[in-house]
């Protein structure tokens, strides 16, 4: 299977896909856009005029991070066992993507004082009751929380995101980063501004 991911030279929304493919040990070609500005001509070739874009032997030019990760997870038994599991996974994906990730780029002070503590405290509490966020095994929900926590630590290092403050989130991060695929990916991931 030939898998390609096209995204900017940064973690951003492409990180969810890169980490998922790495965790599942699916080889992929990382088509990195060196220029952070997309030309109008190039945008016209993209489904919604933006990145990331994913292609494999089943589907070409799939866009939108959450659609891409769900497609990959569903095809690799990483999207829950029941419809209830799947909707709970979706709930966590939405919280990570909209409530945390997108908020990081708005009012940063409000993010630090309100959004981050509220969201991470809720996730920390869930993980204090169960090793898994949904069901009885790791799923796309756990991966999203790990990538989100890691990205916020990358963007806002220090006390606000310290392992001591969120030990269960740190434990989840340690699990994923100890797996063969993710460990290998991280060892080769370039330093980027975002």
C-alpha atoms as a PDB file:
ATOM      1  CA  UNK A   1       0.000   0.000   0.000  1.00  0.00           C
ATOM      2  CA  UNK A   2       1.381   3.401  -0.989  1.00  0.00           C
ATOM      3  CA  UNK A   3       0.511   6.016   1.621  1.00  0.00           C
ATOM      4  CA  UNK A   4       1.281   9.715   1.279  1.00  0.00           C
ATOM      5  CA  UNK A   5       0.629  12.634   3.574  1.00  0.00           C
ATOM      6  CA  UNK A   6       1.075  16.198   2.383  1.00  0.00           C
ATOM      7  CA  UNK A   7       1.472  18.869   5.044  1.00  0.00           C
ATOM      8  CA  UNK A   8       3.660  21.779   6.081  1.00  0.00           C
ATOM      9  CA  UNK A   9       7.068  21.502   7.718  1.00  0.00           C
ATOM     10  CA  UNK A  10       5.583  21.553  11.207  1.00  0.00           C
ATOM     11  CA  UNK A  11       3.689  19.424  13.671  1.00  0.00           C
ATOM     12  CA  UNK A  12       0.337  21.193  13.664  1.00  0.00           C
ATOM     13  CA  UNK A  13      -2.667  19.208  12.491  1.00  0.00           C
ATOM     14  CA  UNK A  14      -0.456  16.868  10.495  1.00  0.00           C
ATOM     15  CA  UNK A  15       0.974  15.492  13.731  1.00  0.00           C
ATOM     16  CA  UNK A  16      -2.174  13.514  14.540  1.00  0.00           C
ATOM     17  CA  UNK A  17      -1.865  11.688  11.209  1.00  0.00           C
ATOM     18  CA  UNK A  18       1.901  11.190  11.332  1.00  0.00           C
ATOM     19  CA  UNK A  19       1.764   9.777  14.851  1.00  0.00           C
ATOM     20  CA  UNK A  20      -1.200   7.520  14.031  1.00  0.00           C
ATOM     21  CA  UNK A  21       0.527   6.074  10.964  1.00  0.00           C
ATOM     22  CA  UNK A  22       3.712   5.613  12.987  1.00  0.00           C
ATOM     23  CA  UNK A  23       1.920   3.977  15.916  1.00  0.00           C
ATOM     24  CA  UNK A  24       0.183   1.542  13.558  1.00  0.00           C
ATOM     25  CA  UNK A  25       3.535   1.017  11.816  1.00  0.00           C
ATOM     26  CA  UNK A  26       2.134   1.963   8.425  1.00  0.00           C
ATOM     27  CA  UNK A  27       4.962   3.200   6.181  1.00  0.00           C
ATOM     28  CA  UNK A  28       4.173   6.546   4.566  1.00  0.00           C
ATOM     29  CA  UNK A  29       5.762   9.180   2.410  1.00  0.00           C
ATOM     30  CA  UNK A  30       5.752  12.499   4.254  1.00  0.00           C
ATOM     31  CA  UNK A  31       5.374  15.110   1.521  1.00  0.00           C
ATOM     32  CA  UNK A  32       6.555  18.198   3.388  1.00  0.00           C
ATOM     33  CA  UNK A  33       5.684  21.609   1.987  1.00  0.00           C
ATOM     34  CA  UNK A  34       8.729  23.786   2.580  1.00  0.00           C
ATOM     35  CA  UNK A  35       6.787  26.984   1.891  1.00  0.00           C
ATOM     36  CA  UNK A  36       4.164  27.880   4.500  1.00  0.00           C
ATOM     37  CA  UNK A  37       2.148  29.814   1.925  1.00  0.00           C
ATOM     38  CA  UNK A  38       0.076  27.849  -0.551  1.00  0.00           C
ATOM     39  CA  UNK A  39      -0.343  29.396  -3.971  1.00  0.00           C
ATOM     40  CA  UNK A  40      -3.860  29.878  -5.339  1.00  0.00           C
ATOM     41  CA  UNK A  41      -2.978  27.482  -8.151  1.00  0.00           C
ATOM     42  CA  UNK A  42      -1.966  24.731  -5.699  1.00  0.00           C
ATOM     43  CA  UNK A  43      -5.006  25.390  -3.475  1.00  0.00           C
ATOM     44  CA  UNK A  44      -7.268  24.656  -6.457  1.00  0.00           C
ATOM     45  CA  UNK A  45      -5.886  21.092  -6.570  1.00  0.00           C
ATOM     46  CA  UNK A  46      -6.814  20.448  -2.919  1.00  0.00           C
ATOM     47  CA  UNK A  47     -10.288  19.249  -1.873  1.00  0.00           C
ATOM     48  CA  UNK A  48     -10.931  22.254   0.408  1.00  0.00           C
ATOM     49  CA  UNK A  49      -7.954  24.355  -0.585  1.00  0.00           C
ATOM     50  CA  UNK A  50      -5.952  23.405   2.491  1.00  0.00           C
ATOM     51  CA  UNK A  51      -3.659  20.815   4.025  1.00  0.00           C
ATOM     52  CA  UNK A  52      -3.235  18.084   5.205  1.00  0.00           C
ATOM     53  CA  UNK A  53      -4.104  15.764   2.341  1.00  0.00           C
ATOM     54  CA  UNK A  54      -3.865  11.975   2.553  1.00  0.00           C
ATOM     55  CA  UNK A  55      -3.830   9.298  -0.152  1.00  0.00           C
ATOM     56  CA  UNK A  56      -3.521   5.525  -0.143  1.00  0.00           C
ATOM     57  CA  UNK A  57      -4.565   2.620  -2.361  1.00  0.00           C
ATOM     58  CA  UNK A  58      -8.233   2.999  -1.319  1.00  0.00           C
ATOM     59  CA  UNK A  59      -8.706   6.768  -1.378  1.00  0.00           C
ATOM     60  CA  UNK A  60      -7.066   9.737  -3.043  1.00  0.00           C
ATOM     61  CA  UNK A  61      -6.841  13.342  -1.843  1.00  0.00           C
ATOM     62  CA  UNK A  62      -8.705  12.966   1.434  1.00  0.00           C
ATOM     63  CA  UNK A  63      -8.524  16.163   3.460  1.00  0.00           C
ATOM     64  CA  UNK A  64      -9.401  17.304   6.976  1.00  0.00           C
ATOM     65  CA  UNK A  65      -7.340  15.857   9.811  1.00  0.00           C
ATOM     66  CA  UNK A  66     -10.191  14.241  11.708  1.00  0.00           C
ATOM     67  CA  UNK A  67     -11.633  12.579   8.586  1.00  0.00           C
ATOM     68  CA  UNK A  68      -8.186  11.245   7.697  1.00  0.00           C
ATOM     69  CA  UNK A  69      -7.437   9.852  11.158  1.00  0.00           C
ATOM     70  CA  UNK A  70     -10.882   8.254  11.454  1.00  0.00           C
ATOM     71  CA  UNK A  71     -10.477   6.621   8.037  1.00  0.00           C
ATOM     72  CA  UNK A  72      -7.092   5.192   9.006  1.00  0.00           C
ATOM     73  CA  UNK A  73      -8.287   4.096  12.462  1.00  0.00           C
ATOM     74  CA  UNK A  74     -11.434   2.404  11.108  1.00  0.00           C
ATOM     75  CA  UNK A  75      -9.360   0.460   8.602  1.00  0.00           C
ATOM     76  CA  UNK A  76      -6.931  -0.671  11.305  1.00  0.00           C
ATOM     77  CA  UNK A  77      -9.244  -1.642  14.200  1.00  0.00           C
ATOM     78  CA  UNK A  78      -8.260   1.424  16.217  1.00  0.00           C
ATOM     79  CA  UNK A  79     -11.661   3.127  16.345  1.00  0.00           C
ATOM     80  CA  UNK A  80     -13.464   1.288  19.123  1.00  0.00           C
ATOM     81  CA  UNK A  81     -15.430  -1.932  19.171  1.00  0.00           C
ATOM     82  CA  UNK A  82     -18.999  -0.585  19.300  1.00  0.00           C
ATOM     83  CA  UNK A  83     -20.962   2.390  18.048  1.00  0.00           C
ATOM     84  CA  UNK A  84     -20.947   3.743  21.622  1.00  0.00           C
ATOM     85  CA  UNK A  85     -17.138   3.470  21.696  1.00  0.00           C
ATOM     86  CA  UNK A  86     -16.975   5.318  18.382  1.00  0.00           C
ATOM     87  CA  UNK A  87     -19.170   8.199  19.477  1.00  0.00           C
ATOM     88  CA  UNK A  88     -17.150   8.519  22.721  1.00  0.00           C
ATOM     89  CA  UNK A  89     -13.967   8.562  20.617  1.00  0.00           C
ATOM     90  CA  UNK A  90     -15.516  11.303  18.455  1.00  0.00           C
ATOM     91  CA  UNK A  91     -16.352  13.263  21.593  1.00  0.00           C
ATOM     92  CA  UNK A  92     -12.699  13.227  22.665  1.00  0.00           C
ATOM     93  CA  UNK A  93     -11.456  14.026  19.160  1.00  0.00           C
ATOM     94  CA  UNK A  94     -13.716  17.095  19.088  1.00  0.00           C
ATOM     95  CA  UNK A  95     -12.558  18.191  22.540  1.00  0.00           C
ATOM     96  CA  UNK A  96      -8.905  17.857  21.523  1.00  0.00           C
ATOM     97  CA  UNK A  97      -9.266  19.479  18.126  1.00  0.00           C
ATOM     98  CA  UNK A  98     -11.769  22.261  18.774  1.00  0.00           C
ATOM     99  CA  UNK A  99     -11.616  22.967  22.508  1.00  0.00           C
ATOM    100  CA  UNK A 100      -7.855  22.648  22.919  1.00  0.00           C
ATOM    101  CA  UNK A 101      -5.921  22.748  19.624  1.00  0.00           C
ATOM    102  CA  UNK A 102      -7.899  25.539  17.938  1.00  0.00           C
ATOM    103  CA  UNK A 103      -8.126  27.549  21.168  1.00  0.00           C
ATOM    104  CA  UNK A 104      -4.345  27.553  21.381  1.00  0.00           C
ATOM    105  CA  UNK A 105      -4.296  29.949  18.415  1.00  0.00           C
ATOM    106  CA  UNK A 106      -6.854  32.416  19.795  1.00  0.00           C
ATOM    107  CA  UNK A 107      -6.637  34.273  23.116  1.00  0.00           C
ATOM    108  CA  UNK A 108      -3.480  32.713  24.587  1.00  0.00           C
ATOM    109  CA  UNK A 109      -3.984  34.148  28.072  1.00  0.00           C
ATOM    110  CA  UNK A 110      -7.520  32.769  28.277  1.00  0.00           C
ATOM    111  CA  UNK A 111      -6.181  29.484  26.963  1.00  0.00           C
ATOM    112  CA  UNK A 112      -3.550  29.324  29.714  1.00  0.00           C
ATOM    113  CA  UNK A 113      -5.868  30.404  32.528  1.00  0.00           C
ATOM    114  CA  UNK A 114      -9.170  28.741  31.586  1.00  0.00           C
ATOM    115  CA  UNK A 115      -9.184  26.361  28.619  1.00  0.00           C
ATOM    116  CA  UNK A 116      -6.025  24.381  29.282  1.00  0.00           C
ATOM    117  CA  UNK A 117      -6.613  23.700  33.009  1.00  0.00           C
ATOM    118  CA  UNK A 118     -10.284  22.826  32.457  1.00  0.00           C
ATOM    119  CA  UNK A 119      -9.652  20.475  29.542  1.00  0.00           C
ATOM    120  CA  UNK A 120      -6.528  18.783  30.873  1.00  0.00           C
ATOM    121  CA  UNK A 121      -8.048  18.375  34.337  1.00  0.00           C
ATOM    122  CA  UNK A 122     -11.049  16.564  32.847  1.00  0.00           C
ATOM    123  CA  UNK A 123      -8.817  14.271  30.803  1.00  0.00           C
ATOM    124  CA  UNK A 124      -6.513  13.697  33.775  1.00  0.00           C
ATOM    125  CA  UNK A 125      -9.538  12.723  35.881  1.00  0.00           C
ATOM    126  CA  UNK A 126     -10.742  10.232  33.251  1.00  0.00           C
ATOM    127  CA  UNK A 127      -7.322   8.620  33.078  1.00  0.00           C
ATOM    128  CA  UNK A 128      -7.178   8.356  36.870  1.00  0.00           C
ATOM    129  CA  UNK A 129     -10.203   6.026  36.675  1.00  0.00           C
ATOM    130  CA  UNK A 130      -9.155   3.936  33.678  1.00  0.00           C
ATOM    131  CA  UNK A 131      -6.005   3.236  31.705  1.00  0.00           C
ATOM    132  CA  UNK A 132      -7.998   3.795  28.500  1.00  0.00           C
ATOM    133  CA  UNK A 133     -10.149   6.787  27.631  1.00  0.00           C
ATOM    134  CA  UNK A 134     -12.707   4.663  25.784  1.00  0.00           C
ATOM    135  CA  UNK A 135     -13.420   0.962  26.090  1.00  0.00           C
ATOM    136  CA  UNK A 136     -10.893  -1.641  27.182  1.00  0.00           C
ATOM    137  CA  UNK A 137      -7.951  -0.914  24.882  1.00  0.00           C
ATOM    138  CA  UNK A 138      -6.041   1.984  23.370  1.00  0.00           C
ATOM    139  CA  UNK A 139      -7.895   3.781  20.608  1.00  0.00           C
ATOM    140  CA  UNK A 140      -7.819   6.904  18.484  1.00  0.00           C
ATOM    141  CA  UNK A 141      -9.122   8.808  21.535  1.00  0.00           C
ATOM    142  CA  UNK A 142      -5.990   8.001  23.528  1.00  0.00           C
ATOM    143  CA  UNK A 143      -3.757   8.919  20.607  1.00  0.00           C
ATOM    144  CA  UNK A 144      -5.520  12.280  20.133  1.00  0.00           C
ATOM    145  CA  UNK A 145      -5.123  13.123  23.807  1.00  0.00           C
ATOM    146  CA  UNK A 146      -1.445  12.143  23.724  1.00  0.00           C
ATOM    147  CA  UNK A 147      -0.712  14.218  20.598  1.00  0.00           C
ATOM    148  CA  UNK A 148      -2.662  17.191  21.968  1.00  0.00           C
ATOM    149  CA  UNK A 149      -0.905  17.060  25.351  1.00  0.00           C
ATOM    150  CA  UNK A 150       2.497  16.715  23.693  1.00  0.00           C
ATOM    151  CA  UNK A 151       1.771  19.598  21.294  1.00  0.00           C
ATOM    152  CA  UNK A 152       0.654  21.924  24.076  1.00  0.00           C
ATOM    153  CA  UNK A 153       3.800  21.013  26.045  1.00  0.00           C
ATOM    154  CA  UNK A 154       5.803  21.845  22.903  1.00  0.00           C
ATOM    155  CA  UNK A 155       4.054  25.209  22.431  1.00  0.00           C
ATOM    156  CA  UNK A 156       3.776  26.179  26.128  1.00  0.00           C
ATOM    157  CA  UNK A 157       6.592  24.477  28.005  1.00  0.00           C
ATOM    158  CA  UNK A 158       6.833  24.779  31.758  1.00  0.00           C
ATOM    159  CA  UNK A 159       4.677  24.566  34.837  1.00  0.00           C
ATOM    160  CA  UNK A 160       1.287  24.824  33.098  1.00  0.00           C
ATOM    161  CA  UNK A 161       1.845  21.515  31.321  1.00  0.00           C
ATOM    162  CA  UNK A 162       4.241  19.797  33.668  1.00  0.00           C
ATOM    163  CA  UNK A 163       4.215  16.017  34.171  1.00  0.00           C
ATOM    164  CA  UNK A 164       3.779  16.621  37.905  1.00  0.00           C
ATOM    165  CA  UNK A 165       0.550  18.518  37.295  1.00  0.00           C
ATOM    166  CA  UNK A 166      -0.841  15.913  34.885  1.00  0.00           C
ATOM    167  CA  UNK A 167       0.776  12.564  35.792  1.00  0.00           C
ATOM    168  CA  UNK A 168      -1.813  10.420  33.994  1.00  0.00           C
ATOM    169  CA  UNK A 169      -1.501  12.432  30.792  1.00  0.00           C
ATOM    170  CA  UNK A 170       2.265  12.068  31.095  1.00  0.00           C
ATOM    171  CA  UNK A 171       1.849   8.308  31.593  1.00  0.00           C
ATOM    172  CA  UNK A 172      -0.251   8.162  28.400  1.00  0.00           C
ATOM    173  CA  UNK A 173       2.432  10.154  26.572  1.00  0.00           C
ATOM    174  CA  UNK A 174       5.129   7.789  27.852  1.00  0.00           C
ATOM    175  CA  UNK A 175       3.144   4.786  26.621  1.00  0.00           C
ATOM    176  CA  UNK A 176       2.845   6.065  23.060  1.00  0.00           C
ATOM    177  CA  UNK A 177       6.409   7.328  22.910  1.00  0.00           C
ATOM    178  CA  UNK A 178       7.694   3.956  24.082  1.00  0.00           C
ATOM    179  CA  UNK A 179       6.071   2.089  21.202  1.00  0.00           C
ATOM    180  CA  UNK A 180       8.327   1.091  18.334  1.00  0.00           C
ATOM    181  CA  UNK A 181       6.610   3.134  15.625  1.00  0.00           C
ATOM    182  CA  UNK A 182       6.178   6.377  17.558  1.00  0.00           C
ATOM    183  CA  UNK A 183       9.634   6.155  19.125  1.00  0.00           C
ATOM    184  CA  UNK A 184      11.159   5.729  15.671  1.00  0.00           C
ATOM    185  CA  UNK A 185       9.125   8.625  14.256  1.00  0.00           C
ATOM    186  CA  UNK A 186      10.094  10.980  17.101  1.00  0.00           C
ATOM    187  CA  UNK A 187      13.778  10.122  16.716  1.00  0.00           C
ATOM    188  CA  UNK A 188      13.622  11.314  13.087  1.00  0.00           C
ATOM    189  CA  UNK A 189      11.147  14.200  13.460  1.00  0.00           C
ATOM    190  CA  UNK A 190      12.791  17.515  12.559  1.00  0.00           C
ATOM    191  CA  UNK A 191      12.669  20.510  14.878  1.00  0.00           C
ATOM    192  CA  UNK A 192       9.984  22.861  13.608  1.00  0.00           C
ATOM    193  CA  UNK A 193       8.542  26.227  14.697  1.00  0.00           C
ATOM    194  CA  UNK A 194       4.956  24.916  15.029  1.00  0.00           C
END
